[in-house]
C-alpha cells in the first residue's frame, strides 16, 4: 500500500470512529492550512480509565494551534 493510500485509509478509520462517537469531536482541533487533526492540549489524559479516551489518544496526537489556527509546522512555514 502506498503512503497516500495508507494515509487515506487512516483518515477514513478516524472519521468512522468520530461518526460513532460524535461527542468526541469537541476534543479535537484542526489546522486551517494542512487540515491535520489532533487532540486539544486540554483533552483528558490517556491514563483516564475509560477505554474510549485511551483509544482516542492512540489515534490522535496532541497538537497546539496558534491564534491563527495554524499548527506548529504550518506556522513556522508561513513565518519564513
N, C-alpha and C. Protein backbone atom coordinates (compact mmCIF):
# COMPACT_ATOMS: atom_id res chain seq x y z
N UNK A 1 0.85 -1.17 0.00
CA UNK A 1 0.00 0.00 0.00
C UNK A 1 0.89 1.23 0.00
N UNK A 2 0.63 2.14 -0.88
CA UNK A 2 1.44 3.35 -0.95
C UNK A 2 1.15 4.25 0.25
N UNK A 3 2.03 5.21 0.44
CA UNK A 3 1.89 6.11 1.58
C UNK A 3 0.59 6.90 1.51
N UNK A 4 0.23 7.38 0.32
CA UNK A 4 -1.00 8.16 0.18
C UNK A 4 -2.23 7.30 0.47
N UNK A 5 -2.21 6.05 -0.01
CA UNK A 5 -3.33 5.15 0.25
C UNK A 5 -3.42 4.80 1.73
N UNK A 6 -2.27 4.60 2.36
CA UNK A 6 -2.25 4.29 3.78
C UNK A 6 -2.76 5.48 4.59
N UNK A 7 -2.35 6.67 4.22
CA UNK A 7 -2.82 7.88 4.91
C UNK A 7 -4.32 8.05 4.73
N UNK A 8 -4.81 7.81 3.52
CA UNK A 8 -6.24 7.93 3.25
C UNK A 8 -7.03 6.90 4.05
N UNK A 9 -6.50 5.69 4.17
CA UNK A 9 -7.18 4.66 4.95
C UNK A 9 -7.22 5.04 6.42
N UNK A 10 -6.13 5.60 6.92
CA UNK A 10 -6.08 6.05 8.32
C UNK A 10 -7.12 7.14 8.56
N UNK A 11 -7.21 8.09 7.64
CA UNK A 11 -8.19 9.18 7.79
C UNK A 11 -9.62 8.65 7.75
N UNK A 12 -9.87 7.65 6.91
CA UNK A 12 -11.22 7.05 6.87
C UNK A 12 -11.56 6.36 8.18
N UNK A 13 -10.57 5.64 8.76
CA UNK A 13 -10.81 4.99 10.06
C UNK A 13 -11.09 6.02 11.15
N UNK A 14 -10.33 7.13 11.13
CA UNK A 14 -10.55 8.18 12.13
C UNK A 14 -11.93 8.80 11.97
N UNK A 15 -12.35 9.06 10.74
CA UNK A 15 -13.67 9.65 10.51
C UNK A 15 -14.78 8.68 10.92
N UNK A 16 -14.59 7.41 10.64
CA UNK A 16 -15.59 6.41 11.02
C UNK A 16 -15.71 6.35 12.54
N UNK A 17 -14.56 6.39 13.22
CA UNK A 17 -14.56 6.40 14.68
C UNK A 17 -15.32 7.61 15.21
N UNK A 18 -15.07 8.78 14.62
CA UNK A 18 -15.74 10.00 15.07
C UNK A 18 -17.21 10.01 14.68
N UNK A 19 -17.60 9.30 13.63
CA UNK A 19 -19.01 9.18 13.30
C UNK A 19 -19.75 8.36 14.36
N UNK A 20 -19.07 7.35 14.94
CA UNK A 20 -19.66 6.55 16.00
C UNK A 20 -19.73 7.33 17.31
N UNK A 21 -18.76 8.18 17.55
CA UNK A 21 -18.67 8.94 18.80
C UNK A 21 -18.57 10.43 18.49
N UNK A 22 -19.64 11.04 17.98
CA UNK A 22 -19.55 12.45 17.56
C UNK A 22 -19.26 13.42 18.71
N UNK A 23 -19.60 13.05 19.93
CA UNK A 23 -19.35 13.95 21.06
C UNK A 23 -17.85 14.13 21.33
N UNK A 24 -17.02 13.24 20.79
CA UNK A 24 -15.57 13.36 20.99
C UNK A 24 -14.94 14.38 20.05
N UNK A 25 -15.66 14.83 19.05
CA UNK A 25 -15.13 15.84 18.12
C UNK A 25 -14.77 17.13 18.86
N UNK A 26 -15.43 17.39 19.97
CA UNK A 26 -15.14 18.62 20.71
C UNK A 26 -13.74 18.60 21.31
N UNK A 27 -13.12 17.43 21.38
CA UNK A 27 -11.78 17.31 21.93
C UNK A 27 -10.70 17.49 20.86
N UNK A 28 -11.10 17.64 19.61
CA UNK A 28 -10.16 17.73 18.50
C UNK A 28 -10.06 19.14 17.96
N UNK A 29 -8.90 19.45 17.42
CA UNK A 29 -8.68 20.70 16.70
C UNK A 29 -8.12 20.33 15.33
N UNK A 30 -8.25 21.26 14.38
CA UNK A 30 -7.76 21.01 13.02
C UNK A 30 -7.06 22.24 12.50
N UNK A 31 -5.89 22.05 11.93
CA UNK A 31 -5.13 23.15 11.33
C UNK A 31 -5.89 23.66 10.11
N UNK A 32 -5.98 24.97 9.97
CA UNK A 32 -6.74 25.55 8.86
C UNK A 32 -6.01 25.43 7.53
N UNK A 33 -4.71 25.15 7.54
CA UNK A 33 -3.95 25.05 6.30
C UNK A 33 -3.82 23.59 5.85
N UNK A 34 -3.22 22.75 6.69
CA UNK A 34 -2.95 21.36 6.28
C UNK A 34 -4.07 20.40 6.69
N UNK A 35 -5.01 20.84 7.49
CA UNK A 35 -6.16 20.06 7.95
C UNK A 35 -5.74 18.85 8.80
N UNK A 36 -4.58 18.95 9.42
CA UNK A 36 -4.14 17.90 10.34
C UNK A 36 -5.01 17.98 11.60
N UNK A 37 -5.55 16.84 12.01
CA UNK A 37 -6.39 16.79 13.21
C UNK A 37 -5.58 16.25 14.37
N UNK A 38 -5.85 16.79 15.54
CA UNK A 38 -5.19 16.32 16.75
C UNK A 38 -6.00 16.70 17.97
N UNK A 39 -5.57 16.19 19.09
CA UNK A 39 -6.25 16.47 20.35
C UNK A 39 -5.89 17.86 20.85
N UNK A 40 -6.88 18.52 21.44
CA UNK A 40 -6.61 19.79 22.10
C UNK A 40 -5.65 19.54 23.25
N UNK A 41 -4.83 20.52 23.59
CA UNK A 41 -3.90 20.33 24.72
C UNK A 41 -4.60 20.07 26.05
N UNK A 42 -5.84 20.52 26.21
CA UNK A 42 -6.54 20.31 27.48
C UNK A 42 -7.47 19.09 27.44
N UNK A 43 -7.28 18.19 26.49
CA UNK A 43 -8.09 16.97 26.39
C UNK A 43 -7.76 16.05 27.57
N UNK A 44 -8.69 15.18 27.97
CA UNK A 44 -8.42 14.25 29.08
C UNK A 44 -7.17 13.42 28.80
N UNK A 45 -6.46 13.11 29.85
CA UNK A 45 -5.20 12.38 29.72
C UNK A 45 -5.43 10.93 29.33
N UNK A 46 -4.44 10.30 28.68
CA UNK A 46 -4.62 8.92 28.25
C UNK A 46 -4.68 7.93 29.41
N UNK A 47 -4.27 8.34 30.61
CA UNK A 47 -4.36 7.43 31.75
C UNK A 47 -5.77 7.42 32.34
N UNK A 48 -6.69 8.13 31.70
CA UNK A 48 -8.09 8.09 32.08
C UNK A 48 -8.55 6.64 31.97
N UNK A 49 -9.32 6.17 32.92
CA UNK A 49 -9.73 4.76 32.98
C UNK A 49 -10.66 4.35 31.86
N UNK A 50 -11.33 5.32 31.23
CA UNK A 50 -12.29 4.97 30.19
C UNK A 50 -11.56 4.56 28.91
N UNK A 51 -11.87 3.39 28.37
CA UNK A 51 -11.18 2.89 27.17
C UNK A 51 -11.31 3.82 25.96
N UNK A 52 -12.40 4.54 25.87
CA UNK A 52 -12.61 5.40 24.71
C UNK A 52 -11.53 6.49 24.64
N UNK A 53 -11.10 7.00 25.79
CA UNK A 53 -10.06 8.03 25.80
C UNK A 53 -8.69 7.43 25.50
N UNK A 54 -8.45 6.21 25.94
CA UNK A 54 -7.18 5.55 25.57
C UNK A 54 -7.13 5.33 24.07
N UNK A 55 -8.25 4.92 23.47
CA UNK A 55 -8.32 4.73 22.02
C UNK A 55 -8.11 6.05 21.30
N UNK A 56 -8.74 7.09 21.80
CA UNK A 56 -8.63 8.42 21.19
C UNK A 56 -7.17 8.88 21.19
N UNK A 57 -6.48 8.69 22.30
CA UNK A 57 -5.07 9.10 22.39
C UNK A 57 -4.17 8.23 21.54
N UNK A 58 -4.57 7.00 21.27
CA UNK A 58 -3.72 6.14 20.44
C UNK A 58 -3.85 6.51 18.96
N UNK A 59 -4.92 7.19 18.57
CA UNK A 59 -5.14 7.53 17.17
C UNK A 59 -4.91 9.01 16.84
N UNK A 60 -4.93 9.88 17.82
CA UNK A 60 -4.76 11.31 17.60
C UNK A 60 -3.70 11.84 18.56
N UNK A 61 -2.70 12.50 18.02
CA UNK A 61 -1.67 13.12 18.85
C UNK A 61 -2.15 14.50 19.28
N UNK A 62 -1.60 15.00 20.37
CA UNK A 62 -1.95 16.35 20.80
C UNK A 62 -1.24 17.36 19.90
N UNK A 63 -1.97 18.35 19.46
CA UNK A 63 -1.36 19.45 18.70
C UNK A 63 -1.87 20.76 19.28
N UNK A 64 -1.01 21.73 19.26
CA UNK A 64 -1.38 23.07 19.71
C UNK A 64 -1.46 23.97 18.49
N UNK A 65 -2.50 24.74 18.42
CA UNK A 65 -2.68 25.70 17.33
C UNK A 65 -2.38 27.10 17.84
N UNK A 66 -1.83 27.93 16.98
CA UNK A 66 -1.59 29.32 17.37
C UNK A 66 -2.89 30.11 17.25
N UNK A 67 -2.80 31.41 17.47
CA UNK A 67 -4.01 32.25 17.46
C UNK A 67 -4.67 32.31 16.09
N UNK A 68 -3.93 31.95 15.04
CA UNK A 68 -4.48 31.96 13.68
C UNK A 68 -5.04 30.60 13.26
N UNK A 69 -4.96 29.60 14.14
CA UNK A 69 -5.46 28.27 13.83
C UNK A 69 -4.47 27.43 13.06
N UNK A 70 -3.17 27.77 13.15
CA UNK A 70 -2.13 27.03 12.43
C UNK A 70 -1.39 26.10 13.37
N UNK A 71 -1.06 24.91 12.88
CA UNK A 71 -0.23 24.01 13.67
C UNK A 71 1.21 24.54 13.67
N UNK A 72 2.06 23.93 14.43
CA UNK A 72 3.44 24.41 14.56
C UNK A 72 4.17 24.38 13.22
N UNK A 73 3.99 23.31 12.46
CA UNK A 73 4.67 23.17 11.18
C UNK A 73 4.22 24.24 10.19
N UNK A 74 2.91 24.45 10.07
CA UNK A 74 2.39 25.44 9.14
C UNK A 74 2.73 26.85 9.62
N UNK A 75 2.70 27.08 10.91
CA UNK A 75 3.04 28.38 11.46
C UNK A 75 4.47 28.76 11.18
N UNK A 76 5.39 27.80 11.30
CA UNK A 76 6.79 28.10 11.02
C UNK A 76 7.04 28.29 9.53
N UNK A 77 6.26 27.61 8.69
CA UNK A 77 6.41 27.75 7.24
C UNK A 77 5.93 29.12 6.76
N UNK A 78 4.91 29.66 7.40
CA UNK A 78 4.39 30.96 6.97
C UNK A 78 5.25 32.12 7.48
N UNK A 79 6.06 31.87 8.53
CA UNK A 79 6.91 32.94 9.06
C UNK A 79 8.14 33.16 8.19
N UNK A 80 8.52 32.14 7.44
CA UNK A 80 9.73 32.25 6.59
C UNK A 80 9.51 33.10 5.38
